[in-house]
Amino acid sequence: MKAVLLFAVAAGLAFAGGYGAGRYETRPRPAAPPSDAAPTALAGESIGSGPYYVEVGQLVVPMLAKGRTVAFILTQITLEANSNDEASLVRRRLPHARSAMLETLFGLAGSGSFDGPAVDPLAVSAALLRSANGQYSSQPIRTVLIDRLLRQDNSRS
């Protein structure tokens, strides 16, 4: 009985500690007071030089042959923007950029770009960059970074 009680107390303390640590990490941070003086950089540090990343997340595209799914292409994508303002613009319009990149991936899968043992990630990245930047009047996205590019063959008949 003592062992069960001791285990319950330990579990309760662990839960309370984890909950408290999580609350501490996610609490709102106070904003820095506005300053009339220009910001100063530490040695070796530049002000506002980025990089500015926007996480797109995972995109999954089926590969079809003769009306059946033969494989899935899974990608994990991060976009690098030119500035903080442009990263904010990309975040606001991210569903449009995701849609354009999905259309591009569907086109690449349909044209056979993912067939065979090797895929050219630079060509995939360049195609995704063109489609993502096509959603904006300017070119806010500098680079498309492919964090993961995986082909999963479908073994179901």
C-alpha atoms as a PDB file:
ATOM      1  CA  MET A   1       0.000   0.000   0.000  1.00  0.00           C
ATOM      2  CA  LYS A   2       2.878   2.367   0.840  1.00  0.00           C
ATOM      3  CA  ALA A   3       4.444   1.676  -2.566  1.00  0.00           C
ATOM      4  CA  VAL A   4       1.219   2.602  -4.380  1.00  0.00           C
ATOM      5  CA  LEU A   5       0.849   5.772  -2.316  1.00  0.00           C
ATOM      6  CA  LEU A   6       4.502   6.684  -2.901  1.00  0.00           C
ATOM      7  CA  PHE A   7       4.071   6.090  -6.651  1.00  0.00           C
ATOM      8  CA  ALA A   8       0.921   8.253  -6.751  1.00  0.00           C
ATOM      9  CA  VAL A   9       2.664  11.090  -4.893  1.00  0.00           C
ATOM     10  CA  ALA A  10       5.702  10.875  -7.188  1.00  0.00           C
ATOM     11  CA  ALA A  11       3.479  10.901 -10.282  1.00  0.00           C
ATOM     12  CA  GLY A  12       1.570  13.902  -8.935  1.00  0.00           C
ATOM     13  CA  LEU A  13       4.792  15.813  -8.247  1.00  0.00           C
ATOM     14  CA  ALA A  14       6.144  14.969 -11.705  1.00  0.00           C
ATOM     15  CA  PHE A  15       2.902  16.167 -13.307  1.00  0.00           C
ATOM     16  CA  ALA A  16       2.885  19.380 -11.267  1.00  0.00           C
ATOM     17  CA  GLY A  17       6.547  20.047 -12.092  1.00  0.00           C
ATOM     18  CA  GLY A  18       5.988  19.474 -15.814  1.00  0.00           C
ATOM     19  CA  TYR A  19       2.878  21.620 -15.824  1.00  0.00           C
ATOM     20  CA  GLY A  20       4.662  24.442 -14.013  1.00  0.00           C
ATOM     21  CA  ALA A  21       7.686  24.277 -16.308  1.00  0.00           C
ATOM     22  CA  GLY A  22       5.431  24.341 -19.368  1.00  0.00           C
ATOM     23  CA  ARG A  23       3.522  27.334 -18.050  1.00  0.00           C
ATOM     24  CA  TYR A  24       6.801  29.106 -17.299  1.00  0.00           C
ATOM     25  CA  GLU A  25       8.143  28.502 -20.828  1.00  0.00           C
ATOM     26  CA  THR A  26       4.959  29.635 -22.605  1.00  0.00           C
ATOM     27  CA  ARG A  27       4.213  32.738 -20.567  1.00  0.00           C
ATOM     28  CA  PRO A  28       4.026  36.014 -22.521  1.00  0.00           C
ATOM     29  CA  ARG A  29       7.261  37.949 -22.541  1.00  0.00           C
ATOM     30  CA  PRO A  30       7.094  41.679 -21.776  1.00  0.00           C
ATOM     31  CA  ALA A  31       7.833  43.866 -24.776  1.00  0.00           C
ATOM     32  CA  ALA A  32      11.018  45.870 -24.735  1.00  0.00           C
ATOM     33  CA  PRO A  33      10.364  49.567 -24.084  1.00  0.00           C
ATOM     34  CA  PRO A  34      10.642  51.705 -27.204  1.00  0.00           C
ATOM     35  CA  SER A  35      13.899  53.524 -27.497  1.00  0.00           C
ATOM     36  CA  ASP A  36      14.637  56.692 -29.408  1.00  0.00           C
ATOM     37  CA  ALA A  37      18.255  55.689 -29.742  1.00  0.00           C
ATOM     38  CA  ALA A  38      19.361  53.434 -32.569  1.00  0.00           C
ATOM     39  CA  PRO A  39      19.858  49.819 -31.548  1.00  0.00           C
ATOM     40  CA  THR A  40      23.393  48.714 -30.976  1.00  0.00           C
ATOM     41  CA  ALA A  41      24.827  45.376 -31.947  1.00  0.00           C
ATOM     42  CA  LEU A  42      27.097  43.173 -29.935  1.00  0.00           C
ATOM     43  CA  ALA A  43      30.523  42.367 -31.342  1.00  0.00           C
ATOM     44  CA  GLY A  44      30.172  40.171 -34.425  1.00  0.00           C
ATOM     45  CA  GLU A  45      26.414  40.668 -34.583  1.00  0.00           C
ATOM     46  CA  SER A  46      24.467  42.623 -37.173  1.00  0.00           C
ATOM     47  CA  ILE A  47      21.086  44.244 -36.671  1.00  0.00           C
ATOM     48  CA  GLY A  48      18.163  42.868 -38.649  1.00  0.00           C
ATOM     49  CA  SER A  49      20.189  40.636 -40.952  1.00  0.00           C
ATOM     50  CA  GLY A  50      18.086  37.491 -40.603  1.00  0.00           C
ATOM     51  CA  PRO A  51      17.787  34.794 -41.645  1.00  0.00           C
ATOM     52  CA  TYR A  52      13.999  34.845 -41.648  1.00  0.00           C
ATOM     53  CA  TYR A  53      12.363  31.434 -41.837  1.00  0.00           C
ATOM     54  CA  VAL A  54       8.748  30.419 -42.375  1.00  0.00           C
ATOM     55  CA  GLU A  55       7.805  26.819 -41.635  1.00  0.00           C
ATOM     56  CA  VAL A  56       5.502  25.390 -44.295  1.00  0.00           C
ATOM     57  CA  GLY A  57       5.207  21.975 -42.696  1.00  0.00           C
ATOM     58  CA  GLN A  58       4.643  18.636 -44.359  1.00  0.00           C
ATOM     59  CA  LEU A  59       3.190  18.199 -47.800  1.00  0.00           C
ATOM     60  CA  VAL A  60       2.110  14.735 -48.970  1.00  0.00           C
ATOM     61  CA  VAL A  61       1.419  13.966 -52.624  1.00  0.00           C
ATOM     62  CA  PRO A  62       0.274  10.626 -54.066  1.00  0.00           C
ATOM     63  CA  MET A  63       1.934   9.185 -57.159  1.00  0.00           C
ATOM     64  CA  LEU A  64      -0.630   7.564 -59.437  1.00  0.00           C
ATOM     65  CA  ALA A  65      -0.167   4.927 -62.144  1.00  0.00           C
ATOM     66  CA  LYS A  66      -3.074   3.355 -64.031  1.00  0.00           C
ATOM     67  CA  GLY A  67      -5.583   4.760 -61.569  1.00  0.00           C
ATOM     68  CA  ARG A  68      -3.949   3.461 -58.408  1.00  0.00           C
ATOM     69  CA  THR A  69      -1.624   5.008 -55.882  1.00  0.00           C
ATOM     70  CA  VAL A  70       1.827   3.472 -56.265  1.00  0.00           C
ATOM     71  CA  ALA A  71       3.694   5.730 -53.839  1.00  0.00           C
ATOM     72  CA  PHE A  72       3.493   8.843 -51.707  1.00  0.00           C
ATOM     73  CA  ILE A  73       5.924  11.746 -51.746  1.00  0.00           C
ATOM     74  CA  LEU A  74       6.415  13.331 -48.337  1.00  0.00           C
ATOM     75  CA  THR A  75       8.179  16.689 -48.085  1.00  0.00           C
ATOM     76  CA  GLN A  76       9.013  18.908 -45.137  1.00  0.00           C
ATOM     77  CA  ILE A  77       9.590  22.468 -46.339  1.00  0.00           C
ATOM     78  CA  THR A  78      10.914  25.688 -44.829  1.00  0.00           C
ATOM     79  CA  LEU A  79      10.939  28.999 -46.691  1.00  0.00           C
ATOM     80  CA  GLU A  80      13.639  31.622 -46.225  1.00  0.00           C
ATOM     81  CA  ALA A  81      12.389  35.185 -46.695  1.00  0.00           C
ATOM     82  CA  ASN A  82      14.440  38.245 -47.597  1.00  0.00           C
ATOM     83  CA  SER A  83      13.416  40.306 -44.556  1.00  0.00           C
ATOM     84  CA  ASN A  84      11.314  40.166 -41.423  1.00  0.00           C
ATOM     85  CA  ASP A  85       8.509  42.127 -43.126  1.00  0.00           C
ATOM     86  CA  GLU A  86       8.502  39.753 -46.080  1.00  0.00           C
ATOM     87  CA  ALA A  87       8.486  36.753 -43.715  1.00  0.00           C
ATOM     88  CA  SER A  88       5.375  38.240 -42.090  1.00  0.00           C
ATOM     89  CA  LEU A  89       3.805  38.657 -45.544  1.00  0.00           C
ATOM     90  CA  VAL A  90       4.575  35.025 -46.383  1.00  0.00           C
ATOM     91  CA  ARG A  91       3.090  33.856 -43.054  1.00  0.00           C
ATOM     92  CA  ARG A  92      -0.122  35.800 -43.727  1.00  0.00           C
ATOM     93  CA  ARG A  93      -0.486  34.242 -47.172  1.00  0.00           C
ATOM     94  CA  LEU A  94       0.959  30.840 -46.303  1.00  0.00           C
ATOM     95  CA  PRO A  95      -2.158  28.847 -47.325  1.00  0.00           C
ATOM     96  CA  HIS A  96      -1.826  30.276 -50.849  1.00  0.00           C
ATOM     97  CA  ALA A  97       1.876  29.416 -51.017  1.00  0.00           C
ATOM     98  CA  ARG A  98       1.173  25.891 -49.687  1.00  0.00           C
ATOM     99  CA  SER A  99      -1.511  25.405 -52.315  1.00  0.00           C
ATOM    100  CA  ALA A 100       0.808  26.542 -55.111  1.00  0.00           C
ATOM    101  CA  MET A 101       3.589  24.264 -53.880  1.00  0.00           C
ATOM    102  CA  LEU A 102       1.173  21.317 -53.648  1.00  0.00           C
ATOM    103  CA  GLU A 103       0.082  21.941 -57.246  1.00  0.00           C
ATOM    104  CA  THR A 104       3.742  21.958 -58.281  1.00  0.00           C
ATOM    105  CA  LEU A 105       4.438  18.716 -56.416  1.00  0.00           C
ATOM    106  CA  PHE A 106       1.399  17.091 -58.056  1.00  0.00           C
ATOM    107  CA  GLY A 107       2.725  18.211 -61.445  1.00  0.00           C
ATOM    108  CA  LEU A 108       6.201  16.880 -60.711  1.00  0.00           C
ATOM    109  CA  ALA A 109       4.771  13.568 -59.515  1.00  0.00           C
ATOM    110  CA  GLY A 110       2.609  13.309 -62.634  1.00  0.00           C
ATOM    111  CA  SER A 111       5.523  14.083 -64.974  1.00  0.00           C
ATOM    112  CA  GLY A 112       7.711  11.339 -63.481  1.00  0.00           C
ATOM    113  CA  SER A 113      10.179  13.541 -61.599  1.00  0.00           C
ATOM    114  CA  PHE A 114       9.987  11.225 -58.595  1.00  0.00           C
ATOM    115  CA  ASP A 115      10.301   7.976 -60.591  1.00  0.00           C
ATOM    116  CA  GLY A 116      13.531   6.048 -60.475  1.00  0.00           C
ATOM    117  CA  PRO A 117      16.178   5.709 -57.804  1.00  0.00           C
ATOM    118  CA  ALA A 118      17.322   9.343 -57.700  1.00  0.00           C
ATOM    119  CA  VAL A 119      15.517  12.675 -57.409  1.00  0.00           C
ATOM    120  CA  ASP A 120      17.110  16.041 -58.125  1.00  0.00           C
ATOM    121  CA  PRO A 121      16.355  18.065 -54.971  1.00  0.00           C
ATOM    122  CA  LEU A 122      17.702  21.273 -56.532  1.00  0.00           C
ATOM    123  CA  ALA A 123      15.213  21.006 -59.398  1.00  0.00           C
ATOM    124  CA  VAL A 124      12.371  20.308 -56.943  1.00  0.00           C
ATOM    125  CA  SER A 125      13.457  23.265 -54.793  1.00  0.00           C
ATOM    126  CA  ALA A 126      13.662  25.588 -57.815  1.00  0.00           C
ATOM    127  CA  ALA A 127      10.184  24.557 -59.014  1.00  0.00           C
ATOM    128  CA  LEU A 128       8.753  25.097 -55.526  1.00  0.00           C
ATOM    129  CA  LEU A 129      10.458  28.516 -55.289  1.00  0.00           C
ATOM    130  CA  ARG A 130       8.911  29.641 -58.601  1.00  0.00           C
ATOM    131  CA  SER A 131       5.447  28.509 -57.542  1.00  0.00           C
ATOM    132  CA  ALA A 132       5.672  29.978 -54.029  1.00  0.00           C
ATOM    133  CA  ASN A 133       6.954  33.357 -55.273  1.00  0.00           C
ATOM    134  CA  GLY A 134       4.275  33.394 -57.975  1.00  0.00           C
ATOM    135  CA  GLN A 135       1.712  34.193 -55.258  1.00  0.00           C
ATOM    136  CA  TYR A 136       3.192  37.628 -54.557  1.00  0.00           C
ATOM    137  CA  SER A 137       3.775  40.813 -56.543  1.00  0.00           C
ATOM    138  CA  SER A 138       7.353  40.924 -55.239  1.00  0.00           C
ATOM    139  CA  GLN A 139       9.730  38.014 -54.676  1.00  0.00           C
ATOM    140  CA  PRO A 140       9.687  37.711 -50.848  1.00  0.00           C
ATOM    141  CA  ILE A 141      11.015  34.148 -50.719  1.00  0.00           C
ATOM    142  CA  ARG A 142      14.768  33.805 -51.149  1.00  0.00           C
ATOM    143  CA  THR A 143      15.104  30.031 -50.882  1.00  0.00           C
ATOM    144  CA  VAL A 144      13.009  26.899 -50.480  1.00  0.00           C
ATOM    145  CA  LEU A 145      14.728  24.574 -48.037  1.00  0.00           C
ATOM    146  CA  ILE A 146      13.701  20.934 -48.303  1.00  0.00           C
ATOM    147  CA  ASP A 147      14.122  19.472 -44.841  1.00  0.00           C
ATOM    148  CA  ARG A 148      12.791  16.065 -45.891  1.00  0.00           C
ATOM    149  CA  LEU A 149      12.030  14.498 -49.255  1.00  0.00           C
ATOM    150  CA  LEU A 150      10.854  10.923 -48.991  1.00  0.00           C
ATOM    151  CA  ARG A 151       9.200   8.492 -51.377  1.00  0.00           C
ATOM    152  CA  GLN A 152       7.106   5.849 -49.646  1.00  0.00           C
ATOM    153  CA  ASP A 153       6.055   3.038 -51.974  1.00  0.00           C
ATOM    154  CA  ASN A 154       2.510   1.805 -51.496  1.00  0.00           C
ATOM    155  CA  SER A 155       2.589  -1.957 -50.941  1.00  0.00           C
ATOM    156  CA  ARG A 156      -1.190  -2.399 -50.868  1.00  0.00           C
ATOM    157  CA  SER A 157      -2.712  -3.944 -53.932  1.00  0.00           C
END
